[in-house]
PDB file of all heavy atoms in Angstrom:
ATOM      1  N   GLY A   1     -70.481  84.052   8.119  1.00  0.00           N
ATOM      2  CA  GLY A   1     -70.673  83.080   9.139  1.00  0.00           C
ATOM      3  C   GLY A   1     -72.048  83.161   9.774  1.00  0.00           C
ATOM      4  O   GLY A   1     -72.815  84.109   9.514  1.00  0.00           O
ATOM      5  N   GLY A   2     -72.368  82.170  10.580  1.00  0.00           N
ATOM      6  CA  GLY A   2     -73.641  82.149  11.234  1.00  0.00           C
ATOM      7  C   GLY A   2     -73.989  80.795  11.799  1.00  0.00           C
ATOM      8  O   GLY A   2     -73.145  79.911  11.897  1.00  0.00           O
ATOM      9  N   LEU A   3     -75.250  80.652  12.174  1.00  0.00           N
ATOM     10  CA  LEU A   3     -75.781  79.411  12.742  1.00  0.00           C
ATOM     11  C   LEU A   3     -76.581  78.665  11.687  1.00  0.00           C
ATOM     12  O   LEU A   3     -77.495  79.235  11.099  1.00  0.00           O
ATOM     13  CB  LEU A   3     -76.647  79.703  13.956  1.00  0.00           C
ATOM     14  CG  LEU A   3     -77.402  78.545  14.588  1.00  0.00           C
ATOM     15  CD1 LEU A   3     -76.435  77.514  15.155  1.00  0.00           C
ATOM     16  CD2 LEU A   3     -78.371  79.041  15.637  1.00  0.00           C
ATOM     17  N   VAL A   4     -76.244  77.406  11.469  1.00  0.00           N
ATOM     18  CA  VAL A   4     -76.954  76.571  10.507  1.00  0.00           C
ATOM     19  C   VAL A   4     -77.184  75.205  11.100  1.00  0.00           C
ATOM     20  O   VAL A   4     -76.479  74.767  12.006  1.00  0.00           O
ATOM     21  CB  VAL A   4     -76.232  76.429   9.167  1.00  0.00           C
ATOM     22  CG1 VAL A   4     -76.105  77.794   8.490  1.00  0.00           C
ATOM     23  CG2 VAL A   4     -74.840  75.816   9.378  1.00  0.00           C
ATOM     24  N   GLN A   5     -78.184  74.500  10.576  1.00  0.00           N
ATOM     25  CA  GLN A   5     -78.445  73.134  10.994  1.00  0.00           C
ATOM     26  C   GLN A   5     -77.541  72.169  10.268  1.00  0.00           C
ATOM     27  O   GLN A   5     -77.024  72.479   9.185  1.00  0.00           O
ATOM     28  CB  GLN A   5     -79.931  72.792  10.702  1.00  0.00           C
ATOM     29  CG  GLN A   5     -80.918  73.564  11.530  1.00  0.00           C
ATOM     30  CD  GLN A   5     -82.347  73.114  11.324  1.00  0.00           C
ATOM     31  OE1 GLN A   5     -82.653  72.496  10.273  1.00  0.00           O
ATOM     32  NE2 GLN A   5     -83.194  73.361  12.276  1.00  0.00           N
ATOM     33  N   PRO A   6     -77.291  71.001  10.865  1.00  0.00           N
ATOM     34  CA  PRO A   6     -76.507  69.990  10.132  1.00  0.00           C
ATOM     35  C   PRO A   6     -77.110  69.726   8.772  1.00  0.00           C
ATOM     36  O   PRO A   6     -78.322  69.619   8.596  1.00  0.00           O
ATOM     37  CB  PRO A   6     -76.617  68.770  11.047  1.00  0.00           C
ATOM     38  CG  PRO A   6     -76.813  69.336  12.411  1.00  0.00           C
ATOM     39  CD  PRO A   6     -77.680  70.554  12.208  1.00  0.00           C
ATOM     40  N   GLY A   7     -76.238  69.623   7.788  1.00  0.00           N
ATOM     41  CA  GLY A   7     -76.641  69.431   6.414  1.00  0.00           C
ATOM     42  C   GLY A   7     -76.843  70.736   5.640  1.00  0.00           C
ATOM     43  O   GLY A   7     -77.023  70.704   4.424  1.00  0.00           O
ATOM     44  N   GLY A   8     -76.818  71.850   6.353  1.00  0.00           N
ATOM     45  CA  GLY A   8     -76.981  73.138   5.718  1.00  0.00           C
ATOM     46  C   GLY A   8     -75.722  73.635   5.057  1.00  0.00           C
ATOM     47  O   GLY A   8     -74.697  72.984   5.011  1.00  0.00           O
ATOM     48  N   SER A   9     -75.826  74.847   4.506  1.00  0.00           N
ATOM     49  CA  SER A   9     -74.741  75.432   3.759  1.00  0.00           C
ATOM     50  C   SER A   9     -74.511  76.873   4.178  1.00  0.00           C
ATOM     51  O   SER A   9     -75.406  77.582   4.635  1.00  0.00           O
ATOM     52  CB  SER A   9     -75.053  75.433   2.267  1.00  0.00           C
ATOM     53  OG  SER A   9     -75.181  74.123   1.743  1.00  0.00           O
ATOM     54  N   LEU A  10     -73.259  77.298   4.046  1.00  0.00           N
ATOM     55  CA  LEU A  10     -72.860  78.680   4.237  1.00  0.00           C
ATOM     56  C   LEU A  10     -71.787  79.019   3.217  1.00  0.00           C
ATOM     57  O   LEU A  10     -71.047  78.156   2.779  1.00  0.00           O
ATOM     58  CB  LEU A  10     -72.295  78.943   5.651  1.00  0.00           C
ATOM     59  CG  LEU A  10     -73.250  78.990   6.830  1.00  0.00           C
ATOM     60  CD1 LEU A  10     -72.428  79.084   8.119  1.00  0.00           C
ATOM     61  CD2 LEU A  10     -74.184  80.170   6.719  1.00  0.00           C
ATOM     62  N   ARG A  11     -71.739  80.284   2.862  1.00  0.00           N
ATOM     63  CA  ARG A  11     -70.680  80.759   1.997  1.00  0.00           C
ATOM     64  C   ARG A  11     -69.944  81.885   2.682  1.00  0.00           C
ATOM     65  O   ARG A  11     -70.504  82.945   2.975  1.00  0.00           O
ATOM     66  CB  ARG A  11     -71.255  81.273   0.673  1.00  0.00           C
ATOM     67  CG  ARG A  11     -70.177  81.591  -0.381  1.00  0.00           C
ATOM     68  CD  ARG A  11     -70.755  82.371  -1.522  1.00  0.00           C
ATOM     69  NE  ARG A  11     -69.854  82.466  -2.663  1.00  0.00           N
ATOM     70  CZ  ARG A  11     -69.804  83.466  -3.539  1.00  0.00           C
ATOM     71  NH1 ARG A  11     -70.657  84.463  -3.417  1.00  0.00           N
ATOM     72  NH2 ARG A  11     -68.926  83.433  -4.545  1.00  0.00           N
ATOM     73  N   LEU A  12     -68.673  81.668   2.944  1.00  0.00           N
ATOM     74  CA  LEU A  12     -67.825  82.663   3.584  1.00  0.00           C
ATOM     75  C   LEU A  12     -67.115  83.489   2.508  1.00  0.00           C
ATOM     76  O   LEU A  12     -66.689  82.935   1.486  1.00  0.00           O
ATOM     77  CB  LEU A  12     -66.782  82.019   4.501  1.00  0.00           C
ATOM     78  CG  LEU A  12     -67.324  81.069   5.575  1.00  0.00           C
ATOM     79  CD1 LEU A  12     -66.186  80.581   6.458  1.00  0.00           C
ATOM     80  CD2 LEU A  12     -68.397  81.730   6.428  1.00  0.00           C
ATOM     81  N   SER A  13     -66.944  84.753   2.799  1.00  0.00           N
ATOM     82  CA  SER A  13     -66.192  85.640   1.897  1.00  0.00           C
ATOM     83  C   SER A  13     -65.122  86.333   2.722  1.00  0.00           C
ATOM     84  O   SER A  13     -65.270  86.604   3.894  1.00  0.00           O
ATOM     85  CB  SER A  13     -67.116  86.694   1.278  1.00  0.00           C
ATOM     86  OG  SER A  13     -68.128  86.091   0.489  1.00  0.00           O
ATOM     87  N   CYS A  14     -64.042  86.651   2.066  1.00  0.00           N
ATOM     88  CA  CYS A  14     -62.948  87.399   2.680  1.00  0.00           C
ATOM     89  C   CYS A  14     -62.339  88.315   1.644  1.00  0.00           C
ATOM     90  O   CYS A  14     -61.798  87.885   0.640  1.00  0.00           O
ATOM     91  CB  CYS A  14     -61.878  86.417   3.203  1.00  0.00           C
ATOM     92  SG  CYS A  14     -60.378  87.204   3.800  1.00  0.00           S
ATOM     93  N   ALA A  15     -62.449  89.607   1.918  1.00  0.00           N
ATOM     94  CA  ALA A  15     -61.954  90.610   1.008  1.00  0.00           C
ATOM     95  C   ALA A  15     -60.719  91.305   1.584  1.00  0.00           C
ATOM     96  O   ALA A  15     -60.744  91.767   2.735  1.00  0.00           O
ATOM     97  CB  ALA A  15     -63.045  91.641   0.705  1.00  0.00           C
ATOM     98  N   ALA A  16     -59.680  91.362   0.802  1.00  0.00           N
ATOM     99  CA  ALA A  16     -58.469  92.062   1.192  1.00  0.00           C
ATOM    100  C   ALA A  16     -58.486  93.487   0.614  1.00  0.00           C
ATOM    101  O   ALA A  16     -58.894  93.722  -0.505  1.00  0.00           O
ATOM    102  CB  ALA A  16     -57.228  91.331   0.683  1.00  0.00           C
ATOM    103  N   SER A  17     -58.033  94.424   1.415  1.00  0.00           N
ATOM    104  CA  SER A  17     -57.991  95.818   0.989  1.00  0.00           C
ATOM    105  C   SER A  17     -56.789  96.515   1.573  1.00  0.00           C
ATOM    106  O   SER A  17     -56.163  95.994   2.498  1.00  0.00           O
ATOM    107  CB  SER A  17     -59.296  96.551   1.389  1.00  0.00           C
ATOM    108  OG  SER A  17     -59.434  96.577   2.800  1.00  0.00           O
ATOM    109  N   GLY A  18     -56.479  97.691   1.073  1.00  0.00           N
ATOM    110  CA  GLY A  18     -55.350  98.447   1.556  1.00  0.00           C
ATOM    111  C   GLY A  18     -54.237  98.472   0.537  1.00  0.00           C
ATOM    112  O   GLY A  18     -54.467  98.450  -0.680  1.00  0.00           O
ATOM    113  N   SER A  19     -53.020  98.493   1.030  1.00  0.00           N
ATOM    114  CA  SER A  19     -51.828  98.533   0.173  1.00  0.00           C
ATOM    115  C   SER A  19     -51.518  97.146  -0.319  1.00  0.00           C
ATOM    116  O   SER A  19     -50.943  96.324   0.414  1.00  0.00           O
ATOM    117  CB  SER A  19     -50.643  99.121   0.948  1.00  0.00           C
ATOM    118  OG  SER A  19     -49.506  99.196   0.123  1.00  0.00           O
ATOM    119  N   ILE A  20     -51.895  96.883  -1.554  1.00  0.00           N
ATOM    120  CA  ILE A  20     -51.705  95.545  -2.144  1.00  0.00           C
ATOM    121  C   ILE A  20     -51.103  95.702  -3.539  1.00  0.00           C
ATOM    122  O   ILE A  20     -51.659  96.354  -4.399  1.00  0.00           O
ATOM    123  CB  ILE A  20     -53.043  94.801  -2.251  1.00  0.00           C
ATOM    124  CG1 ILE A  20     -53.667  94.577  -0.871  1.00  0.00           C
ATOM    125  CG2 ILE A  20     -52.822  93.453  -2.973  1.00  0.00           C
ATOM    126  CD1 ILE A  20     -55.047  94.010  -0.919  1.00  0.00           C
ATOM    127  N   PHE A  21     -49.951  95.081  -3.723  1.00  0.00           N
ATOM    128  CA  PHE A  21     -49.334  95.029  -5.033  1.00  0.00           C
ATOM    129  C   PHE A  21     -49.680  93.716  -5.719  1.00  0.00           C
ATOM    130  O   PHE A  21     -50.035  93.675  -6.881  1.00  0.00           O
ATOM    131  CB  PHE A  21     -47.811  95.210  -4.944  1.00  0.00           C
ATOM    132  CG  PHE A  21     -47.137  95.108  -6.277  1.00  0.00           C
ATOM    133  CD1 PHE A  21     -47.226  96.140  -7.196  1.00  0.00           C
ATOM    134  CD2 PHE A  21     -46.416  93.963  -6.615  1.00  0.00           C
ATOM    135  CE1 PHE A  21     -46.573  96.040  -8.437  1.00  0.00           C
ATOM    136  CE2 PHE A  21     -45.777  93.868  -7.839  1.00  0.00           C
ATOM    137  CZ  PHE A  21     -45.875  94.900  -8.753  1.00  0.00           C
ATOM    138  N   SER A  22     -49.537  92.621  -4.986  1.00  0.00           N
ATOM    139  CA  SER A  22     -49.902  91.323  -5.503  1.00  0.00           C
ATOM    140  C   SER A  22     -50.242  90.395  -4.380  1.00  0.00           C
ATOM    141  O   SER A  22     -49.828  90.579  -3.242  1.00  0.00           O
ATOM    142  CB  SER A  22     -48.758  90.726  -6.351  1.00  0.00           C
ATOM    143  OG  SER A  22     -47.612  90.504  -5.556  1.00  0.00           O
ATOM    144  N   ILE A  23     -51.040  89.379  -4.702  1.00  0.00           N
ATOM    145  CA  ILE A  23     -51.444  88.358  -3.745  1.00  0.00           C
ATOM    146  C   ILE A  23     -51.096  87.009  -4.303  1.00  0.00           C
ATOM    147  O   ILE A  23     -51.426  86.674  -5.442  1.00  0.00           O
ATOM    148  CB  ILE A  23     -52.951  88.403  -3.452  1.00  0.00           C
ATOM    149  CG1 ILE A  23     -53.363  89.790  -2.948  1.00  0.00           C
ATOM    150  CG2 ILE A  23     -53.363  87.315  -2.431  1.00  0.00           C
ATOM    151  CD1 ILE A  23     -54.848  89.938  -2.680  1.00  0.00           C
ATOM    152  N   ASP A  24     -50.403  86.203  -3.518  1.00  0.00           N
ATOM    153  CA  ASP A  24     -50.114  84.840  -3.912  1.00  0.00           C
ATOM    154  C   ASP A  24     -51.226  83.935  -3.409  1.00  0.00           C
ATOM    155  O   ASP A  24     -52.358  84.020  -3.872  1.00  0.00           O
ATOM    156  CB  ASP A  24     -48.722  84.433  -3.386  1.00  0.00           C
ATOM    157  CG  ASP A  24     -48.237  83.120  -3.990  1.00  0.00           C
ATOM    158  OD1 ASP A  24     -48.871  82.623  -4.940  1.00  0.00           O
ATOM    159  OD2 ASP A  24     -47.220  82.596  -3.507  1.00  0.00           O
ATOM    160  N   ALA A  25     -50.933  83.084  -2.455  1.00  0.00           N
ATOM    161  CA  ALA A  25     -51.929  82.144  -1.977  1.00  0.00           C
ATOM    162  C   ALA A  25     -52.929  82.823  -1.044  1.00  0.00           C
ATOM    163  O   ALA A  25     -52.614  83.791  -0.344  1.00  0.00           O
ATOM    164  CB  ALA A  25     -51.263  80.983  -1.267  1.00  0.00           C
ATOM    165  N   MET A  26     -54.122  82.306  -1.022  1.00  0.00           N
ATOM    166  CA  MET A  26     -55.142  82.678  -0.079  1.00  0.00           C
ATOM    167  C   MET A  26     -55.734  81.428   0.507  1.00  0.00           C
ATOM    168  O   MET A  26     -55.740  80.366  -0.137  1.00  0.00           O
ATOM    169  CB  MET A  26     -56.253  83.528  -0.753  1.00  0.00           C
ATOM    170  CG  MET A  26     -55.730  84.747  -1.478  1.00  0.00           C
ATOM    171  SD  MET A  26     -57.058  85.788  -2.169  1.00  0.00           S
ATOM    172  CE  MET A  26     -57.567  86.674  -0.715  1.00  0.00           C
ATOM    173  N   GLY A  27     -56.249  81.515   1.698  1.00  0.00           N
ATOM    174  CA  GLY A  27     -56.775  80.306   2.303  1.00  0.00           C
ATOM    175  C   GLY A  27     -57.678  80.549   3.497  1.00  0.00           C
ATOM    176  O   GLY A  27     -57.949  81.682   3.891  1.00  0.00           O
ATOM    177  N   TRP A  28     -58.145  79.424   4.038  1.00  0.00           N
ATOM    178  CA  TRP A  28     -58.995  79.453   5.216  1.00  0.00           C
ATOM    179  C   TRP A  28     -58.482  78.470   6.255  1.00  0.00           C
ATOM    180  O   TRP A  28     -58.136  77.332   5.929  1.00  0.00           O
ATOM    181  CB  TRP A  28     -60.435  79.049   4.856  1.00  0.00           C
ATOM    182  CG  TRP A  28     -61.147  80.058   3.998  1.00  0.00           C
ATOM    183  CD1 TRP A  28     -61.204  80.093   2.642  1.00  0.00           C
ATOM    184  CD2 TRP A  28     -61.913  81.175   4.471  1.00  0.00           C
ATOM    185  NE1 TRP A  28     -61.956  81.161   2.220  1.00  0.00           N
ATOM    186  CE2 TRP A  28     -62.410  81.826   3.315  1.00  0.00           C
ATOM    187  CE3 TRP A  28     -62.242  81.651   5.734  1.00  0.00           C
ATOM    188  CZ2 TRP A  28     -63.219  82.964   3.410  1.00  0.00           C
ATOM    189  CZ3 TRP A  28     -63.048  82.768   5.807  1.00  0.00           C
ATOM    190  CH2 TRP A  28     -63.516  83.422   4.659  1.00  0.00           C
ATOM    191  N   TYR A  29     -58.415  78.934   7.485  1.00  0.00           N
ATOM    192  CA  TYR A  29     -58.124  78.101   8.646  1.00  0.00           C
ATOM    193  C   TYR A  29     -59.317  78.172   9.591  1.00  0.00           C
ATOM    194  O   TYR A  29     -60.126  79.108   9.520  1.00  0.00           O
ATOM    195  CB  TYR A  29     -56.880  78.564   9.375  1.00  0.00           C
ATOM    196  CG  TYR A  29     -55.542  78.176   8.725  1.00  0.00           C
ATOM    197  CD1 TYR A  29     -55.151  78.780   7.524  1.00  0.00           C
ATOM    198  CD2 TYR A  29     -54.726  77.228   9.314  1.00  0.00           C
ATOM    199  CE1 TYR A  29     -53.956  78.427   6.930  1.00  0.00           C
ATOM    200  CE2 TYR A  29     -53.524  76.874   8.715  1.00  0.00           C
ATOM    201  CZ  TYR A  29     -53.150  77.474   7.539  1.00  0.00           C
ATOM    202  OH  TYR A  29     -51.951  77.118   6.969  1.00  0.00           O
ATOM    203  N   ARG A  30     -59.389  77.203  10.484  1.00  0.00           N
ATOM    204  CA  ARG A  30     -60.459  77.244  11.472  1.00  0.00           C
ATOM    205  C   ARG A  30     -59.908  76.754  12.822  1.00  0.00           C
ATOM    206  O   ARG A  30     -58.940  75.976  12.871  1.00  0.00           O
ATOM    207  CB  ARG A  30     -61.658  76.395  11.053  1.00  0.00           C
ATOM    208  CG  ARG A  30     -61.397  74.903  11.018  1.00  0.00           C
ATOM    209  CD  ARG A  30     -62.628  74.173  10.458  1.00  0.00           C
ATOM    210  NE  ARG A  30     -62.442  72.741  10.426  1.00  0.00           N
ATOM    211  CZ  ARG A  30     -63.278  71.882   9.848  1.00  0.00           C
ATOM    212  NH1 ARG A  30     -64.396  72.345   9.295  1.00  0.00           N
ATOM    213  NH2 ARG A  30     -63.022  70.607   9.868  1.00  0.00           N
ATOM    214  N   GLN A  31     -60.532  77.209  13.874  1.00  0.00           N
ATOM    215  CA  GLN A  31     -60.148  76.805  15.206  1.00  0.00           C
ATOM    216  C   GLN A  31     -61.402  76.610  16.045  1.00  0.00           C
ATOM    217  O   GLN A  31     -62.179  77.559  16.229  1.00  0.00           O
ATOM    218  CB  GLN A  31     -59.220  77.821  15.893  1.00  0.00           C
ATOM    219  CG  GLN A  31     -58.683  77.341  17.214  1.00  0.00           C
ATOM    220  CD  GLN A  31     -57.520  78.193  17.704  1.00  0.00           C
ATOM    221  OE1 GLN A  31     -57.412  79.346  17.340  1.00  0.00           O
ATOM    222  NE2 GLN A  31     -56.678  77.614  18.551  1.00  0.00           N
ATOM    223  N   ALA A  32     -61.572  75.391  16.539  1.00  0.00           N
ATOM    224  CA  ALA A  32     -62.676  75.069  17.418  1.00  0.00           C
ATOM    225  C   ALA A  32     -62.215  75.138  18.863  1.00  0.00           C
ATOM    226  O   ALA A  32     -61.015  75.014  19.149  1.00  0.00           O
ATOM    227  CB  ALA A  32     -63.204  73.673  17.107  1.00  0.00           C
ATOM    228  N   PRO A  33     -63.147  75.360  19.792  1.00  0.00           N
ATOM    229  CA  PRO A  33     -62.748  75.410  21.209  1.00  0.00           C
ATOM    230  C   PRO A  33     -61.985  74.150  21.652  1.00  0.00           C
ATOM    231  O   PRO A  33     -62.423  73.045  21.391  1.00  0.00           O
ATOM    232  CB  PRO A  33     -64.101  75.509  21.935  1.00  0.00           C
ATOM    233  CG  PRO A  33     -65.002  76.149  20.940  1.00  0.00           C
ATOM    234  CD  PRO A  33     -64.553  75.579  19.599  1.00  0.00           C
ATOM    235  N   GLY A  34     -60.866  74.366  22.288  1.00  0.00           N
ATOM    236  CA  GLY A  34     -60.074  73.269  22.781  1.00  0.00           C
ATOM    237  C   GLY A  34     -59.256  72.539  21.751  1.00  0.00           C
ATOM    238  O   GLY A  34     -58.610  71.546  22.078  1.00  0.00           O
ATOM    239  N   LYS A  35     -59.261  73.015  20.508  1.00  0.00           N
ATOM    240  CA  LYS A  35     -58.510  72.383  19.432  1.00  0.00           C
ATOM    241  C   LYS A  35     -57.541  73.364  18.818  1.00  0.00           C
ATOM    242  O   LYS A  35     -57.682  74.578  18.911  1.00  0.00           O
ATOM    243  CB  LYS A  35     -59.446  71.816  18.378  1.00  0.00           C
ATOM    244  CG  LYS A  35     -60.355  70.711  18.875  1.00  0.00           C
ATOM    245  CD  LYS A  35     -61.190  70.145  17.733  1.00  0.00           C
ATOM    246  CE  LYS A  35     -62.071  68.999  18.206  1.00  0.00           C
ATOM    247  NZ  LYS A  35     -62.866  68.437  17.088  1.00  0.00           N
ATOM    248  N   GLN A  36     -56.544  72.818  18.155  1.00  0.00           N
ATOM    249  CA  GLN A  36     -55.572  73.649  17.467  1.00  0.00           C
ATOM    250  C   GLN A  36     -56.133  74.154  16.136  1.00  0.00           C
ATOM    251  O   GLN A  36     -57.043  73.564  15.565  1.00  0.00           O
ATOM    252  CB  GLN A  36     -54.267  72.886  17.220  1.00  0.00           C
ATOM    253  CG  GLN A  36     -53.487  72.550  18.459  1.00  0.00           C
ATOM    254  CD  GLN A  36     -52.132  71.949  18.124  1.00  0.00           C
ATOM    255  OE1 GLN A  36     -51.987  71.238  17.120  1.00  0.00           O
ATOM    256  NE2 GLN A  36     -51.158  72.214  18.983  1.00  0.00           N
ATOM    257  N   ARG A  37     -55.581  75.265  15.703  1.00  0.00           N
ATOM    258  CA  ARG A  37     -55.972  75.822  14.418  1.00  0.00           C
ATOM    259  C   ARG A  37     -55.537  74.849  13.306  1.00  0.00           C
ATOM    260  O   ARG A  37     -54.440  74.319  13.328  1.00  0.00           O
ATOM    261  CB  ARG A  37     -55.266  77.159  14.247  1.00  0.00           C
ATOM    262  CG  ARG A  37     -55.843  78.045  13.160  1.00  0.00           C
ATOM    263  CD  ARG A  37     -55.136  79.391  13.186  1.00  0.00           C
ATOM    264  NE  ARG A  37     -55.978  80.477  12.707  1.00  0.00           N
ATOM    265  CZ  ARG A  37     -55.716  81.743  12.855  1.00  0.00           C
ATOM    266  NH1 ARG A  37     -54.629  82.131  13.516  1.00  0.00           N
ATOM    267  NH2 ARG A  37     -56.526  82.656  12.367  1.00  0.00           N
ATOM    268  N   GLU A  38     -56.421  74.660  12.337  1.00  0.00           N
ATOM    269  CA  GLU A  38     -56.121  73.742  11.253  1.00  0.00           C
ATOM    270  C   GLU A  38     -56.453  74.357   9.906  1.00  0.00           C
ATOM    271  O   GLU A  38     -57.365  75.182   9.783  1.00  0.00           O
ATOM    272  CB  GLU A  38     -56.898  72.442  11.435  1.00  0.00           C
ATOM    273  CG  GLU A  38     -58.411  72.573  11.294  1.00  0.00           C
ATOM    274  CD  GLU A  38     -59.126  71.237  11.272  1.00  0.00           C
ATOM    275  OE1 GLU A  38     -58.483  70.197  11.142  1.00  0.00           O
ATOM    276  OE2 GLU A  38     -60.368  71.240  11.412  1.00  0.00           O
ATOM    277  N   LEU A  39     -55.681  73.948   8.938  1.00  0.00           N
ATOM    278  CA  LEU A  39     -55.947  74.395   7.563  1.00  0.00           C
ATOM    279  C   LEU A  39     -57.216  73.723   7.044  1.00  0.00           C
ATOM    280  O   LEU A  39     -57.368  72.525   7.134  1.00  0.00           O
ATOM    281  CB  LEU A  39     -54.755  74.032   6.644  1.00  0.00           C
ATOM    282  CG  LEU A  39     -54.963  74.305   5.159  1.00  0.00           C
ATOM    283  CD1 LEU A  39     -55.028  75.782   4.870  1.00  0.00           C
ATOM    284  CD2 LEU A  39     -53.842  73.652   4.354  1.00  0.00           C
ATOM    285  N   VAL A  40     -58.081  74.537   6.469  1.00  0.00           N
ATOM    286  CA  VAL A  40     -59.306  74.030   5.818  1.00  0.00           C
ATOM    287  C   VAL A  40     -59.067  73.887   4.330  1.00  0.00           C
ATOM    288  O   VAL A  40     -59.331  72.828   3.753  1.00  0.00           O
ATOM    289  CB  VAL A  40     -60.491  74.953   6.090  1.00  0.00           C
ATOM    290  CG1 VAL A  40     -61.736  74.435   5.364  1.00  0.00           C
ATOM    291  CG2 VAL A  40     -60.757  75.059   7.583  1.00  0.00           C
ATOM    292  N   ALA A  41     -58.618  74.947   3.702  1.00  0.00           N
ATOM    293  CA  ALA A  41     -58.387  74.956   2.253  1.00  0.00           C
ATOM    294  C   ALA A  41     -57.532  76.135   1.896  1.00  0.00           C
ATOM    295  O   ALA A  41     -57.525  77.155   2.568  1.00  0.00           O
ATOM    296  CB  ALA A  41     -59.704  74.994   1.507  1.00  0.00           C
TER     297      ALA A  41
END
């Protein structure tokens, strides 16, 4: 994450670690101030 100008790009990463046997779905949600959390992808 970070600060970018409109039209710019960012690449987010999320690594899972610990006790893991299998992973089904993975995804991203976001929450803006004053708004509800929403599914991104």
